[in-house]
Protein backbone atom coordinates (compact mmCIF):
# COMPACT_ATOMS: atom_id res chain seq x y z
CA MET A 1 77.44 141.33 105.63
CA ARG A 2 77.62 139.40 108.89
CA ASN A 3 81.40 139.00 108.51
CA SER A 4 81.79 142.76 108.05
CA ALA A 5 79.77 143.47 111.19
CA LEU A 6 81.86 140.98 113.16
CA ARG A 7 85.06 142.65 111.98
CA LYS A 8 83.79 146.07 113.05
CA LEU A 9 82.77 144.72 116.43
CA LEU A 10 86.16 143.02 116.85
CA PHE A 11 87.93 146.22 115.86
CA LEU A 12 85.93 148.26 118.38
CA MET A 13 86.46 145.68 121.13
CA VAL A 14 90.22 145.68 120.59
CA PHE A 15 90.95 149.34 119.92
CA ALA A 16 88.28 151.30 121.82
CA PRO A 17 89.66 150.37 125.27
CA VAL A 18 93.18 151.33 124.20
CA LEU A 19 92.05 154.71 122.98
CA LEU A 20 89.62 155.38 125.82
CA LEU A 21 91.98 154.32 128.59
CA SER A 22 94.77 156.50 127.29
CA PRO A 23 93.35 160.04 127.61
CA HIS A 24 96.82 161.56 127.84
CA VAL A 25 97.58 160.39 124.32
CA GLN A 26 96.61 163.03 121.79
CA ALA A 27 95.37 161.87 118.39
CA ALA A 28 98.33 163.58 116.72
CA ASP A 29 100.75 161.73 119.02
CA PHE A 30 99.18 158.33 118.55
CA LYS A 31 101.00 156.22 115.96
CA MET A 32 99.71 152.87 114.85
CA GLY A 33 101.54 150.38 112.67
CA VAL A 34 100.88 147.11 110.93
CA VAL A 35 103.09 144.07 110.38
CA ASP A 36 102.62 141.04 108.16
CA PRO A 37 104.26 138.22 110.20
CA GLN A 38 104.00 135.81 107.25
CA SER A 39 106.12 138.19 105.15
CA VAL A 40 108.64 138.55 107.99
CA LEU A 41 108.97 134.76 108.12
CA GLU A 42 109.30 134.46 104.34
CA LYS A 43 111.66 137.42 103.80
CA SER A 44 114.00 137.12 106.77
CA LYS A 45 117.16 135.03 106.52
CA ALA A 46 116.38 132.92 109.61
CA GLY A 47 112.79 132.48 108.48
CA LYS A 48 113.87 131.36 105.02
CA ARG A 49 116.27 128.84 106.57
CA ALA A 50 113.51 127.46 108.77
CA LEU A 51 111.06 127.23 105.87
CA ASP A 52 113.70 125.59 103.68
CA GLY A 53 114.37 123.04 106.43
CA LEU A 54 110.66 122.31 106.65
CA LYS A 55 110.42 121.97 102.85
CA GLU A 56 113.36 119.55 102.83
CA TYR A 57 111.73 117.48 105.58
CA VAL A 58 108.47 117.38 103.59
CA SER A 59 110.29 116.49 100.39
CA ILE A 60 112.11 113.54 101.98
CA ARG A 61 108.90 112.22 103.54
CA GLN A 62 106.96 112.65 100.30
CA LYS A 63 109.62 110.71 98.39
CA LEU A 64 109.38 107.85 100.89
CA LEU A 65 105.60 107.82 100.67
CA ALA A 66 105.74 107.97 96.86
CA LYS A 67 108.08 104.97 96.81
CA ASP A 68 105.78 103.04 99.13
CA GLU A 69 102.81 103.95 96.95
CA GLU A 70 104.63 102.78 93.82
CA ASP A 71 105.49 99.49 95.57
CA LEU A 72 101.82 99.01 96.41
CA ARG A 73 100.78 99.65 92.82
CA ASN A 74 103.33 97.09 91.61
CA GLN A 75 102.08 94.55 94.15
CA GLU A 76 98.49 95.21 93.08
CA ARG A 77 99.43 94.70 89.43
CA GLN A 78 101.22 91.43 90.29
CA LEU A 79 98.22 90.24 92.28
CA LYS A 80 95.92 90.83 89.31
CA GLU A 81 98.31 89.11 86.91
CA GLN A 82 98.81 86.05 89.10
CA ALA A 83 95.30 85.76 90.54
CA SER A 84 94.24 83.17 87.95
CA LYS A 85 97.02 80.80 89.13
CA TRP A 86 95.86 80.71 92.78
CA SER A 87 93.12 78.86 94.54
CA ASP A 88 90.30 80.86 96.11
CA ALA A 89 91.88 80.49 99.56
CA GLU A 90 95.26 81.77 98.28
CA LYS A 91 93.56 84.72 96.52
CA LYS A 92 91.71 85.64 99.68
CA GLU A 93 94.90 85.43 101.76
CA LYS A 94 96.91 87.55 99.27
CA GLU A 95 94.11 90.14 99.06
CA THR A 96 93.96 90.34 102.86
CA GLN A 97 97.73 90.82 103.04
CA PHE A 98 97.53 93.52 100.38
CA ARG A 99 94.69 95.35 102.14
CA THR A 100 96.74 95.30 105.35
CA LYS A 101 99.68 96.86 103.49
CA VAL A 102 97.39 99.53 102.03
CA GLN A 103 96.01 100.32 105.49
CA ASP A 104 99.56 100.52 106.87
CA PHE A 105 100.47 102.92 104.07
CA GLN A 106 97.41 105.07 104.76
CA LYS A 107 98.29 105.14 108.46
CA ARG A 108 101.88 106.24 107.67
CA ALA A 109 100.55 108.98 105.37
CA GLN A 110 98.13 110.15 108.07
CA ASP A 111 100.89 110.09 110.70
CA PHE A 112 103.11 112.11 108.38
CA ASN A 113 100.40 114.74 107.88
CA GLN A 114 99.86 115.02 111.63
CA GLU A 115 103.59 115.25 112.26
CA LEU A 116 103.90 117.92 109.56
CA GLN A 117 101.07 119.96 111.08
CA LYS A 118 102.75 119.71 114.48
CA LYS A 119 106.11 120.83 113.04
CA GLN A 120 104.46 123.73 111.21
CA LYS A 121 102.68 124.85 114.39
CA GLU A 122 105.89 124.64 116.41
CA LEU A 123 107.74 126.66 113.77
CA VAL A 124 105.03 129.31 113.64
CA ASP A 125 104.80 129.53 117.44
CA GLU A 126 108.58 129.83 117.81
CA TYR A 127 108.91 132.46 115.10
CA MET A 128 105.87 134.46 116.21
CA LYS A 129 107.58 134.96 119.57
CA LYS A 130 110.72 136.17 117.82
CA ILE A 131 108.72 138.35 115.41
CA SER A 132 106.87 139.88 118.36
CA VAL A 133 110.16 140.82 120.01
CA ALA A 134 111.48 142.39 116.78
CA THR A 135 108.16 144.20 116.28
CA GLN A 136 108.26 145.59 119.80
CA THR A 137 111.82 146.87 119.26
CA VAL A 138 110.87 148.58 115.99
CA ALA A 139 107.70 150.05 117.50
CA GLU A 140 109.52 151.43 120.52
CA LYS A 141 112.25 152.98 118.37
CA GLY A 142 109.64 154.55 116.09
CA GLY A 143 107.30 155.76 118.82
CA VAL A 144 104.51 153.50 117.61
CA ALA A 145 101.89 152.90 120.33
CA LEU A 146 99.99 150.04 118.70
CA VAL A 147 100.98 147.43 116.10
CA VAL A 148 98.34 145.22 114.46
CA ASP A 149 98.80 141.98 112.54
CA LYS A 150 98.16 142.99 108.94
CA GLY A 151 97.25 139.48 107.94
CA SER A 152 97.44 138.12 104.43
CA GLU A 153 95.38 136.22 101.91
CA GLN A 154 96.36 132.95 103.64
CA THR A 155 95.42 134.14 107.13
CA VAL A 156 92.66 136.16 108.74
CA LYS A 157 92.86 139.64 107.35
CA ILE A 158 92.08 142.15 110.11
CA VAL A 159 93.48 145.30 108.52
CA ILE A 160 91.51 146.34 105.48
CA TYR A 161 93.40 149.56 104.73
CA ASN A 162 96.60 151.17 105.93
CA LYS A 163 98.89 153.87 104.64
CA ASP A 164 102.23 152.53 103.43
CA THR A 165 104.02 154.84 105.85
CA ILE A 166 102.83 152.79 108.85
CA ASP A 167 103.59 149.34 107.48
CA LEU A 168 106.48 148.20 109.68
CA THR A 169 107.00 144.82 108.00
CA ASP A 170 110.29 145.67 106.23
CA GLN A 171 111.71 147.26 109.37
CA VAL A 172 110.73 144.21 111.40
CA VAL A 173 112.41 141.94 108.83
CA LYS A 174 115.65 143.91 109.25
CA GLU A 175 115.41 143.82 113.06
CA PHE A 176 114.53 140.13 112.97
CA ASP A 177 117.58 139.40 110.80
CA ARG A 178 119.77 141.49 113.10
CA THR A 179 118.73 139.54 116.21
CA ASN A 180 118.26 136.05 114.70
CA LYS A 181 121.38 135.11 112.78
């Protein structure tokens, strides 16, 4: 219930000033559209290339981490098998060395996750600028006065309902492909 009230308040805060400050715009003349930027990114050729590049980067890093993890498991197994042959001091030293390697691995995995988040943010920021330009072009050509981010299941969903005739996503994909080869 609270979430619904917040959405209504957000909607009024965003759209009321636009409608109130534009008295010369008649209701029949006012056209509003929606765009799903996530779909533009996923459906456009340039967006697909960028996402594929990111997936390849992730895949390579994951393979390296998986190999390191397998090496650690093998070392752990060897430590357990050979532990009976060592003195207490040797065991303690080997366990300390192993723990250090595990901590190094965990640090690399954490660094990778942070690097991946940074790359994803940079990609989204870069493409949102390009998607905004393509959206503006489509809106201006179509006489659309306001375009709202439709959102998706993965993002914040602002638009609850819209007629299919005002969904500009496919047109924006075409414009995006035209300008971003």
